[in-house]
Structures are given as structure tokens and as C-alpha cells.
N, C-alpha and C. Protein backbone atom coordinates (compact mmCIF):
# COMPACT_ATOMS: atom_id res chain seq x y z
N MET A 1 8.26 -2.34 -5.26
CA MET A 1 7.75 -3.33 -4.34
C MET A 1 7.42 -2.64 -3.01
N GLU A 2 6.23 -2.86 -2.53
CA GLU A 2 5.83 -2.29 -1.24
C GLU A 2 6.55 -3.03 -0.12
N ILE A 3 7.09 -2.27 0.82
CA ILE A 3 7.78 -2.82 1.98
C ILE A 3 6.86 -2.82 3.19
N VAL A 4 6.25 -1.68 3.45
CA VAL A 4 5.37 -1.55 4.61
C VAL A 4 4.40 -0.40 4.36
N ARG A 5 3.26 -0.47 5.02
CA ARG A 5 2.25 0.58 4.90
C ARG A 5 1.85 1.02 6.31
N THR A 6 1.60 2.30 6.46
CA THR A 6 1.10 2.85 7.72
C THR A 6 -0.25 3.49 7.44
N GLU A 7 -0.79 4.15 8.43
CA GLU A 7 -2.09 4.79 8.26
C GLU A 7 -2.08 5.80 7.10
N ARG A 8 -0.98 6.57 6.99
CA ARG A 8 -0.94 7.63 5.98
C ARG A 8 0.11 7.42 4.89
N LEU A 9 0.95 6.42 5.05
CA LEU A 9 2.12 6.30 4.18
C LEU A 9 2.28 4.91 3.60
N ARG A 10 2.99 4.86 2.48
CA ARG A 10 3.43 3.60 1.89
C ARG A 10 4.93 3.73 1.67
N LEU A 11 5.69 2.76 2.13
CA LEU A 11 7.13 2.72 1.88
C LEU A 11 7.38 1.62 0.86
N ARG A 12 8.12 1.97 -0.19
CA ARG A 12 8.39 1.02 -1.26
C ARG A 12 9.82 1.18 -1.74
N THR A 13 10.28 0.19 -2.47
CA THR A 13 11.63 0.26 -3.02
C THR A 13 11.69 1.35 -4.09
N ALA A 14 12.87 1.92 -4.23
CA ALA A 14 13.11 2.97 -5.22
C ALA A 14 13.29 2.34 -6.61
N THR A 15 12.92 3.11 -7.61
CA THR A 15 13.11 2.70 -9.01
C THR A 15 13.65 3.90 -9.79
N PRO A 16 14.13 3.68 -11.01
CA PRO A 16 14.56 4.82 -11.83
C PRO A 16 13.44 5.83 -12.10
N ASP A 17 12.19 5.42 -11.96
CA ASP A 17 11.07 6.36 -12.13
C ASP A 17 11.05 7.44 -11.05
N ASP A 18 11.83 7.27 -9.99
CA ASP A 18 11.90 8.24 -8.90
C ASP A 18 12.96 9.32 -9.13
N THR A 19 13.51 9.38 -10.31
CA THR A 19 14.62 10.28 -10.60
C THR A 19 14.31 11.74 -10.28
N VAL A 20 13.20 12.26 -10.75
CA VAL A 20 12.87 13.69 -10.54
C VAL A 20 12.71 13.97 -9.05
N PHE A 21 11.98 13.11 -8.35
CA PHE A 21 11.82 13.26 -6.90
C PHE A 21 13.17 13.22 -6.19
N TYR A 22 14.01 12.24 -6.51
CA TYR A 22 15.30 12.08 -5.84
C TYR A 22 16.20 13.29 -6.10
N HIS A 23 16.19 13.78 -7.31
CA HIS A 23 16.97 14.98 -7.65
C HIS A 23 16.55 16.16 -6.76
N ALA A 24 15.25 16.35 -6.61
CA ALA A 24 14.76 17.45 -5.75
C ALA A 24 15.17 17.23 -4.30
N LEU A 25 15.07 15.99 -3.81
CA LEU A 25 15.39 15.69 -2.41
C LEU A 25 16.86 15.98 -2.09
N VAL A 26 17.77 15.46 -2.90
CA VAL A 26 19.20 15.59 -2.58
C VAL A 26 19.74 16.99 -2.84
N ASN A 27 18.96 17.82 -3.51
CA ASN A 27 19.38 19.20 -3.74
C ASN A 27 18.65 20.19 -2.84
N ASP A 28 17.83 19.70 -1.94
CA ASP A 28 17.17 20.56 -0.97
C ASP A 28 18.24 21.14 -0.03
N PRO A 29 18.22 22.43 0.25
CA PRO A 29 19.24 23.03 1.12
C PRO A 29 19.39 22.34 2.48
N ALA A 30 18.30 21.90 3.09
CA ALA A 30 18.39 21.22 4.39
C ALA A 30 19.07 19.86 4.25
N PHE A 31 18.82 19.16 3.15
CA PHE A 31 19.50 17.89 2.89
C PHE A 31 21.00 18.14 2.80
N ILE A 32 21.37 19.13 2.03
CA ILE A 32 22.79 19.45 1.85
C ILE A 32 23.43 19.85 3.17
N GLU A 33 22.73 20.65 3.97
CA GLU A 33 23.27 21.10 5.26
C GLU A 33 23.45 19.95 6.25
N HIS A 34 22.44 19.10 6.38
CA HIS A 34 22.46 18.08 7.44
C HIS A 34 22.98 16.72 7.00
N ILE A 35 22.85 16.39 5.73
CA ILE A 35 23.28 15.08 5.26
C ILE A 35 24.53 15.19 4.39
N GLY A 36 24.55 16.18 3.54
CA GLY A 36 25.73 16.40 2.72
C GLY A 36 25.38 16.64 1.27
N ASP A 37 26.29 17.28 0.59
CA ASP A 37 26.14 17.55 -0.84
C ASP A 37 26.63 16.34 -1.62
N ARG A 38 25.74 15.68 -2.29
CA ARG A 38 26.07 14.48 -3.05
C ARG A 38 26.60 14.80 -4.45
N GLY A 39 26.59 16.08 -4.82
CA GLY A 39 27.09 16.48 -6.13
C GLY A 39 26.19 16.02 -7.27
N ILE A 40 24.94 15.79 -6.97
CA ILE A 40 23.97 15.33 -7.98
C ILE A 40 23.29 16.56 -8.55
N ARG A 41 23.71 16.94 -9.75
CA ARG A 41 23.23 18.19 -10.33
C ARG A 41 22.25 18.02 -11.48
N THR A 42 22.27 16.88 -12.13
CA THR A 42 21.39 16.66 -13.28
C THR A 42 20.47 15.48 -13.00
N LEU A 43 19.44 15.35 -13.83
CA LEU A 43 18.55 14.21 -13.70
C LEU A 43 19.29 12.91 -14.00
N ASP A 44 20.23 12.95 -14.94
CA ASP A 44 21.01 11.74 -15.21
C ASP A 44 21.86 11.35 -14.01
N ASP A 45 22.45 12.36 -13.34
CA ASP A 45 23.19 12.09 -12.10
C ASP A 45 22.27 11.43 -11.06
N ALA A 46 21.06 11.94 -10.93
CA ALA A 46 20.12 11.41 -9.95
C ALA A 46 19.74 9.97 -10.29
N ARG A 47 19.50 9.71 -11.56
CA ARG A 47 19.16 8.34 -11.98
C ARG A 47 20.30 7.38 -11.67
N GLN A 48 21.51 7.79 -11.99
CA GLN A 48 22.68 6.93 -11.73
C GLN A 48 22.87 6.72 -10.23
N ALA A 49 22.65 7.76 -9.43
CA ALA A 49 22.79 7.63 -7.97
C ALA A 49 21.74 6.69 -7.40
N LEU A 50 20.52 6.75 -7.91
CA LEU A 50 19.48 5.82 -7.47
C LEU A 50 19.86 4.38 -7.80
N LEU A 51 20.34 4.17 -9.02
CA LEU A 51 20.70 2.82 -9.44
C LEU A 51 21.88 2.27 -8.65
N ALA A 52 22.87 3.11 -8.39
CA ALA A 52 24.07 2.67 -7.66
C ALA A 52 23.84 2.62 -6.16
N GLY A 53 22.85 3.35 -5.67
CA GLY A 53 22.58 3.42 -4.24
C GLY A 53 21.43 2.52 -3.82
N PRO A 54 20.23 3.09 -3.61
CA PRO A 54 19.11 2.30 -3.09
C PRO A 54 18.74 1.08 -3.93
N VAL A 55 18.75 1.20 -5.25
CA VAL A 55 18.35 0.07 -6.09
C VAL A 55 19.36 -1.08 -5.95
N ALA A 56 20.65 -0.75 -6.03
CA ALA A 56 21.69 -1.79 -5.90
C ALA A 56 21.71 -2.38 -4.50
N MET A 57 21.57 -1.54 -3.46
CA MET A 57 21.59 -2.05 -2.10
C MET A 57 20.42 -3.01 -1.85
N GLN A 58 19.24 -2.67 -2.38
CA GLN A 58 18.08 -3.55 -2.22
C GLN A 58 18.35 -4.91 -2.86
N GLU A 59 18.92 -4.90 -4.05
CA GLU A 59 19.23 -6.15 -4.75
C GLU A 59 20.29 -6.96 -4.02
N GLU A 60 21.31 -6.30 -3.50
CA GLU A 60 22.44 -6.99 -2.86
C GLU A 60 22.14 -7.42 -1.43
N ARG A 61 21.44 -6.59 -0.67
CA ARG A 61 21.28 -6.82 0.77
C ARG A 61 19.86 -7.15 1.21
N GLY A 62 18.90 -6.86 0.36
CA GLY A 62 17.51 -7.09 0.75
C GLY A 62 16.90 -5.97 1.57
N HIS A 63 17.61 -4.86 1.67
CA HIS A 63 17.08 -3.65 2.33
C HIS A 63 17.79 -2.44 1.76
N SER A 64 17.19 -1.28 1.95
CA SER A 64 17.75 -0.04 1.39
C SER A 64 16.97 1.14 1.94
N LEU A 65 17.25 2.30 1.40
CA LEU A 65 16.38 3.45 1.63
C LEU A 65 15.13 3.24 0.80
N TYR A 66 13.97 3.46 1.40
CA TYR A 66 12.70 3.28 0.71
C TYR A 66 12.07 4.64 0.40
N VAL A 67 11.35 4.70 -0.69
CA VAL A 67 10.59 5.90 -1.03
C VAL A 67 9.36 5.92 -0.13
N VAL A 68 9.16 7.06 0.54
CA VAL A 68 7.99 7.25 1.39
C VAL A 68 6.96 8.03 0.58
N GLU A 69 5.81 7.43 0.41
CA GLU A 69 4.75 8.06 -0.36
C GLU A 69 3.56 8.37 0.54
N LEU A 70 3.00 9.53 0.31
CA LEU A 70 1.76 9.91 0.95
C LEU A 70 0.65 9.19 0.21
N SER A 71 -0.14 8.43 0.92
CA SER A 71 -1.16 7.62 0.24
C SER A 71 -2.54 8.26 0.26
N GLU A 72 -2.54 9.58 0.31
CA GLU A 72 -3.81 10.31 0.28
C GLU A 72 -3.62 11.54 -0.58
N GLY A 73 -4.68 12.21 -0.95
CA GLY A 73 -4.54 13.49 -1.60
C GLY A 73 -5.00 13.58 -3.03
N GLY A 74 -5.62 12.55 -3.59
CA GLY A 74 -6.21 12.66 -4.91
C GLY A 74 -5.22 12.68 -6.06
N PHE A 75 -4.03 12.17 -5.88
CA PHE A 75 -3.10 12.09 -6.99
C PHE A 75 -3.52 10.97 -7.92
N PRO A 76 -3.17 11.05 -9.21
CA PRO A 76 -3.66 10.07 -10.18
C PRO A 76 -3.44 8.61 -9.77
N ASP A 77 -2.27 8.28 -9.24
CA ASP A 77 -2.03 6.89 -8.85
C ASP A 77 -2.26 6.69 -7.35
N GLY A 78 -2.74 7.74 -6.67
CA GLY A 78 -3.02 7.63 -5.25
C GLY A 78 -1.83 7.86 -4.36
N HIS A 79 -0.65 8.11 -4.92
CA HIS A 79 0.56 8.23 -4.11
C HIS A 79 1.43 9.37 -4.62
N VAL A 80 2.09 10.04 -3.69
CA VAL A 80 3.05 11.08 -4.05
C VAL A 80 4.28 10.90 -3.16
N PRO A 81 5.49 10.88 -3.74
CA PRO A 81 6.69 10.71 -2.91
C PRO A 81 6.97 11.98 -2.11
N ILE A 82 7.24 11.78 -0.81
CA ILE A 82 7.49 12.93 0.07
C ILE A 82 8.88 12.86 0.72
N GLY A 83 9.51 11.69 0.67
CA GLY A 83 10.81 11.53 1.30
C GLY A 83 11.31 10.11 1.16
N MET A 84 12.36 9.83 1.92
CA MET A 84 12.93 8.48 1.95
C MET A 84 13.21 8.11 3.39
N CYS A 85 13.06 6.84 3.70
CA CYS A 85 13.36 6.32 5.02
C CYS A 85 13.67 4.84 4.85
N GLY A 86 14.74 4.39 5.49
CA GLY A 86 15.04 2.97 5.36
C GLY A 86 16.31 2.56 6.04
N LEU A 87 16.82 1.43 5.59
CA LEU A 87 17.93 0.74 6.23
C LEU A 87 19.14 0.75 5.30
N ILE A 88 20.25 1.29 5.80
CA ILE A 88 21.44 1.50 4.99
C ILE A 88 22.63 0.80 5.64
N LYS A 89 23.42 0.13 4.84
CA LYS A 89 24.69 -0.40 5.33
C LYS A 89 25.78 0.53 4.82
N ARG A 90 26.37 1.26 5.74
CA ARG A 90 27.45 2.20 5.40
C ARG A 90 28.80 1.55 5.67
N ASP A 91 29.76 1.88 4.86
CA ASP A 91 31.11 1.35 5.06
C ASP A 91 31.71 1.82 6.38
N THR A 92 31.25 2.96 6.88
CA THR A 92 31.83 3.55 8.09
C THR A 92 31.20 3.07 9.39
N LEU A 93 30.19 2.21 9.30
CA LEU A 93 29.51 1.70 10.49
C LEU A 93 29.43 0.18 10.43
N ASP A 94 29.57 -0.47 11.59
CA ASP A 94 29.46 -1.93 11.64
C ASP A 94 28.01 -2.39 11.51
N GLU A 95 27.08 -1.64 12.08
CA GLU A 95 25.68 -2.02 12.08
C GLU A 95 24.92 -1.34 10.94
N ILE A 96 23.71 -1.81 10.74
CA ILE A 96 22.80 -1.19 9.78
C ILE A 96 22.29 0.13 10.38
N ASP A 97 22.17 1.13 9.53
CA ASP A 97 21.79 2.49 9.93
C ASP A 97 20.38 2.79 9.43
N ILE A 98 19.56 3.40 10.26
CA ILE A 98 18.28 3.91 9.78
C ILE A 98 18.51 5.35 9.34
N GLY A 99 18.08 5.66 8.15
CA GLY A 99 18.26 7.00 7.61
C GLY A 99 16.95 7.52 7.03
N TYR A 100 16.85 8.83 6.91
CA TYR A 100 15.64 9.43 6.38
C TYR A 100 15.91 10.85 5.93
N ALA A 101 15.09 11.32 5.01
CA ALA A 101 15.11 12.70 4.53
C ALA A 101 13.77 12.98 3.87
N TYR A 102 13.29 14.22 4.02
CA TYR A 102 11.97 14.58 3.49
C TYR A 102 12.04 15.91 2.75
N LEU A 103 11.20 16.04 1.74
CA LEU A 103 11.07 17.31 1.05
C LEU A 103 10.48 18.35 2.01
N PRO A 104 10.80 19.63 1.82
CA PRO A 104 10.39 20.68 2.77
C PRO A 104 8.90 20.73 3.07
N ASP A 105 8.04 20.54 2.07
CA ASP A 105 6.59 20.66 2.29
C ASP A 105 6.03 19.59 3.22
N TRP A 106 6.80 18.54 3.48
CA TRP A 106 6.28 17.41 4.24
C TRP A 106 6.93 17.27 5.61
N ARG A 107 7.74 18.22 6.01
CA ARG A 107 8.37 18.18 7.33
C ARG A 107 7.43 18.74 8.39
N GLY A 108 7.62 18.30 9.62
CA GLY A 108 6.86 18.84 10.74
C GLY A 108 5.43 18.36 10.83
N GLN A 109 5.09 17.28 10.14
CA GLN A 109 3.73 16.76 10.15
C GLN A 109 3.65 15.33 10.68
N GLY A 110 4.76 14.85 11.26
CA GLY A 110 4.76 13.52 11.84
C GLY A 110 5.07 12.39 10.87
N TYR A 111 5.32 12.71 9.60
CA TYR A 111 5.58 11.66 8.62
C TYR A 111 6.92 10.95 8.88
N ALA A 112 7.94 11.69 9.27
CA ALA A 112 9.24 11.07 9.54
C ALA A 112 9.13 10.08 10.70
N TYR A 113 8.42 10.46 11.73
CA TYR A 113 8.23 9.57 12.88
C TYR A 113 7.42 8.33 12.47
N GLU A 114 6.36 8.54 11.74
CA GLU A 114 5.49 7.43 11.32
C GLU A 114 6.26 6.43 10.44
N ALA A 115 7.01 6.93 9.49
CA ALA A 115 7.77 6.05 8.61
C ALA A 115 8.90 5.36 9.36
N ALA A 116 9.62 6.09 10.21
CA ALA A 116 10.73 5.50 10.96
C ALA A 116 10.23 4.41 11.92
N ARG A 117 9.10 4.64 12.55
CA ARG A 117 8.52 3.58 13.42
C ARG A 117 8.23 2.33 12.61
N ALA A 118 7.70 2.51 11.41
CA ALA A 118 7.40 1.36 10.56
C ALA A 118 8.68 0.63 10.16
N VAL A 119 9.74 1.37 9.88
CA VAL A 119 11.02 0.76 9.53
C VAL A 119 11.60 0.03 10.74
N LEU A 120 11.50 0.62 11.92
CA LEU A 120 11.98 -0.06 13.13
C LEU A 120 11.22 -1.36 13.37
N ALA A 121 9.94 -1.38 13.09
CA ALA A 121 9.15 -2.61 13.26
C ALA A 121 9.49 -3.63 12.18
N TYR A 122 9.82 -3.16 11.01
CA TYR A 122 10.14 -4.04 9.88
C TYR A 122 11.52 -4.70 10.03
N ALA A 123 12.49 -3.99 10.56
CA ALA A 123 13.88 -4.48 10.62
C ALA A 123 13.99 -5.88 11.23
N PRO A 124 13.39 -6.17 12.38
CA PRO A 124 13.52 -7.53 12.94
C PRO A 124 12.93 -8.63 12.05
N THR A 125 11.97 -8.28 11.21
CA THR A 125 11.36 -9.29 10.34
C THR A 125 12.32 -9.77 9.26
N ILE A 126 13.38 -9.00 9.03
CA ILE A 126 14.39 -9.42 8.04
C ILE A 126 15.72 -9.76 8.75
N GLY A 127 15.63 -10.01 10.05
CA GLY A 127 16.78 -10.52 10.79
C GLY A 127 17.69 -9.48 11.40
N ILE A 128 17.31 -8.23 11.36
CA ILE A 128 18.14 -7.18 11.96
C ILE A 128 17.78 -7.05 13.43
N ARG A 129 18.78 -7.17 14.31
CA ARG A 129 18.54 -7.14 15.76
C ARG A 129 19.03 -5.86 16.42
N LYS A 130 19.81 -5.07 15.67
CA LYS A 130 20.32 -3.80 16.21
C LYS A 130 20.41 -2.81 15.07
N LEU A 131 19.99 -1.58 15.34
CA LEU A 131 20.11 -0.50 14.37
C LEU A 131 20.85 0.66 15.01
N VAL A 132 21.56 1.40 14.20
CA VAL A 132 22.17 2.64 14.65
C VAL A 132 21.65 3.77 13.78
N ALA A 133 21.92 4.98 14.19
CA ALA A 133 21.58 6.17 13.42
C ALA A 133 22.66 7.20 13.66
N ILE A 134 22.98 7.94 12.62
CA ILE A 134 23.93 9.04 12.75
C ILE A 134 23.22 10.32 12.37
N VAL A 135 23.57 11.38 13.08
CA VAL A 135 22.93 12.66 12.83
C VAL A 135 23.88 13.78 13.24
N SER A 136 23.82 14.84 12.48
CA SER A 136 24.59 16.03 12.82
C SER A 136 24.15 16.54 14.19
N PRO A 137 25.09 16.89 15.06
CA PRO A 137 24.72 17.39 16.39
C PRO A 137 23.82 18.63 16.34
N ASN A 138 23.94 19.43 15.28
CA ASN A 138 23.13 20.65 15.21
C ASN A 138 21.76 20.43 14.57
N ASN A 139 21.43 19.21 14.18
CA ASN A 139 20.12 18.91 13.61
C ASN A 139 19.17 18.53 14.76
N GLN A 140 18.63 19.56 15.39
CA GLN A 140 17.80 19.34 16.58
C GLN A 140 16.58 18.46 16.30
N ALA A 141 15.96 18.65 15.15
CA ALA A 141 14.75 17.87 14.83
C ALA A 141 15.08 16.38 14.74
N SER A 142 16.15 16.04 14.06
CA SER A 142 16.50 14.62 13.91
C SER A 142 17.01 14.02 15.21
N ASN A 143 17.76 14.76 15.99
CA ASN A 143 18.18 14.25 17.30
C ASN A 143 16.96 13.96 18.16
N GLY A 144 15.98 14.85 18.14
CA GLY A 144 14.75 14.64 18.90
C GLY A 144 13.95 13.46 18.38
N LEU A 145 13.88 13.31 17.08
CA LEU A 145 13.15 12.19 16.49
C LEU A 145 13.76 10.85 16.91
N LEU A 146 15.08 10.76 16.87
CA LEU A 146 15.73 9.50 17.25
C LEU A 146 15.46 9.15 18.71
N ARG A 147 15.48 10.14 19.58
CA ARG A 147 15.15 9.89 20.99
C ARG A 147 13.68 9.48 21.14
N LYS A 148 12.79 10.15 20.41
CA LYS A 148 11.36 9.82 20.46
C LYS A 148 11.12 8.38 19.98
N LEU A 149 11.94 7.90 19.07
CA LEU A 149 11.82 6.53 18.56
C LEU A 149 12.35 5.50 19.55
N GLY A 150 12.97 5.97 20.63
CA GLY A 150 13.51 5.05 21.63
C GLY A 150 14.97 4.71 21.42
N MET A 151 15.62 5.41 20.52
CA MET A 151 17.05 5.17 20.28
C MET A 151 17.85 5.89 21.36
N ALA A 152 18.91 5.26 21.80
CA ALA A 152 19.76 5.82 22.86
C ALA A 152 21.01 6.45 22.27
N PHE A 153 21.36 7.63 22.77
CA PHE A 153 22.61 8.27 22.36
C PHE A 153 23.77 7.41 22.85
N VAL A 154 24.71 7.12 21.95
CA VAL A 154 25.87 6.30 22.29
C VAL A 154 27.11 7.18 22.46
N GLU A 155 27.40 7.98 21.42
CA GLU A 155 28.60 8.81 21.47
C GLU A 155 28.63 9.78 20.30
N PHE A 156 29.50 10.76 20.41
CA PHE A 156 29.84 11.63 19.29
C PHE A 156 31.00 10.94 18.59
N ARG A 157 30.91 10.77 17.27
CA ARG A 157 31.92 10.00 16.55
C ARG A 157 32.29 10.66 15.22
N HIS A 158 33.57 10.61 14.92
CA HIS A 158 34.05 10.99 13.59
C HIS A 158 34.05 9.72 12.75
N LEU A 159 33.25 9.71 11.68
CA LEU A 159 33.14 8.51 10.85
C LEU A 159 34.32 8.34 9.92
N VAL A 160 34.89 9.43 9.49
CA VAL A 160 36.12 9.41 8.69
C VAL A 160 37.00 10.54 9.18
N PRO A 161 38.29 10.39 9.08
CA PRO A 161 39.19 11.47 9.55
C PRO A 161 38.84 12.80 8.88
N GLY A 162 38.75 13.81 9.71
CA GLY A 162 38.51 15.16 9.21
C GLY A 162 37.06 15.55 9.03
N ASP A 163 36.11 14.62 9.24
CA ASP A 163 34.71 15.02 9.10
C ASP A 163 34.29 15.83 10.33
N ALA A 164 33.13 16.46 10.24
CA ALA A 164 32.64 17.31 11.33
C ALA A 164 32.18 16.50 12.54
N GLY A 165 31.93 15.23 12.35
CA GLY A 165 31.46 14.37 13.44
C GLY A 165 29.96 14.26 13.49
N SER A 166 29.50 13.16 14.05
CA SER A 166 28.07 12.87 14.13
C SER A 166 27.72 12.31 15.49
N ASN A 167 26.48 12.54 15.91
CA ASN A 167 25.95 11.84 17.07
C ASN A 167 25.55 10.44 16.61
N LEU A 168 25.92 9.45 17.39
CA LEU A 168 25.57 8.06 17.09
C LEU A 168 24.53 7.60 18.08
N TYR A 169 23.44 7.06 17.58
CA TYR A 169 22.36 6.48 18.39
C TYR A 169 22.27 4.99 18.09
N SER A 170 21.63 4.25 19.00
CA SER A 170 21.50 2.81 18.81
C SER A 170 20.20 2.32 19.45
N ILE A 171 19.69 1.21 18.90
CA ILE A 171 18.54 0.52 19.48
C ILE A 171 18.68 -0.96 19.16
N GLU A 172 18.31 -1.80 20.14
CA GLU A 172 18.34 -3.25 19.94
C GLU A 172 16.93 -3.78 20.08
N PHE A 173 16.65 -4.86 19.34
CA PHE A 173 15.31 -5.47 19.35
C PHE A 173 15.34 -6.80 20.06
């Protein structure tokens, strides 16, 4: 299901058909460094993670991480998945979190900003009045992106005892 479209991108709900893409995304070294190792090693693991994560969250909450597709480039169906961006309810945060991750070939081209802006515009239409974001302090690109989106730094926070800690950002609509 399409959620939102921008000039260059389409954001849609995830399906089990995204298994190969999702497997590549969560095993990218930068994903593991900045977001974490999800322990997803096989395509079956990736399929199960999609079903238990974004697919289930969309069904239960009406929002989730969305597949970001490039809507140009001559692909057979006109779209190629390049990353994920969307709205996540984490057990460790009171508010809804905006999250994103992109495959290496698609970083540094403004796609993360374009998709995140679209998600920020979409959130109020489904009743969300405040969003937060968490990011590793050493992830300079993501810290910069959150500031560029108009999110304000709130604090450095440990989400669970013993974790490395994250920068917490917030924005209200």
C-alpha cells in the first residue's frame, strides 16, 4: 500500500516480497555499526523479521517503517527499493520514533532527507503530534539530517541499562 509519494520516491508498506532487499539492508556494515546487528543471517530470518516487525506494526498501529523506492530508472515495475523510512513505536520510548536506513549506493543523494520530510508531513495526518528520533552520537550524517529536518536535540539518553547511549531529538506539530 502506498503511503506517500515525493518527486523521486514512493514510500509503501513492507511485504514479504521485500525479503531480499531487507536482508541486504540489515546486513550492511553501516546499518550494523549505527543501528545494530539484528542477527538476521538468512533470507528466512529476514522474512520472519519483516513479518514480526514492519508488517505486524502496520497492522496493529497503522504505521511502521516503510519501504522507500526510487520511482525512476527504467526498472521493470518502475520502482527499486533503496531504504526504509517511517514511524516506529519502540518499547524504550514514550513517543513515536522516526527511523530510516538506506543501502550504500543510495546514500548522500538527498533521498533520506526527501523521505523523512514526507514522513514528517504524513505523521500529523494520522494523529501524531510529536515525533522523536534516536541516533548514535558518532553518526554525524544522521545527527545532521535530524537537525536539517527541524528536530531539536533533547538529551543524550541510555535507552536500556548498559547500552552505548543515543542522542534523542524531538519535533512537535
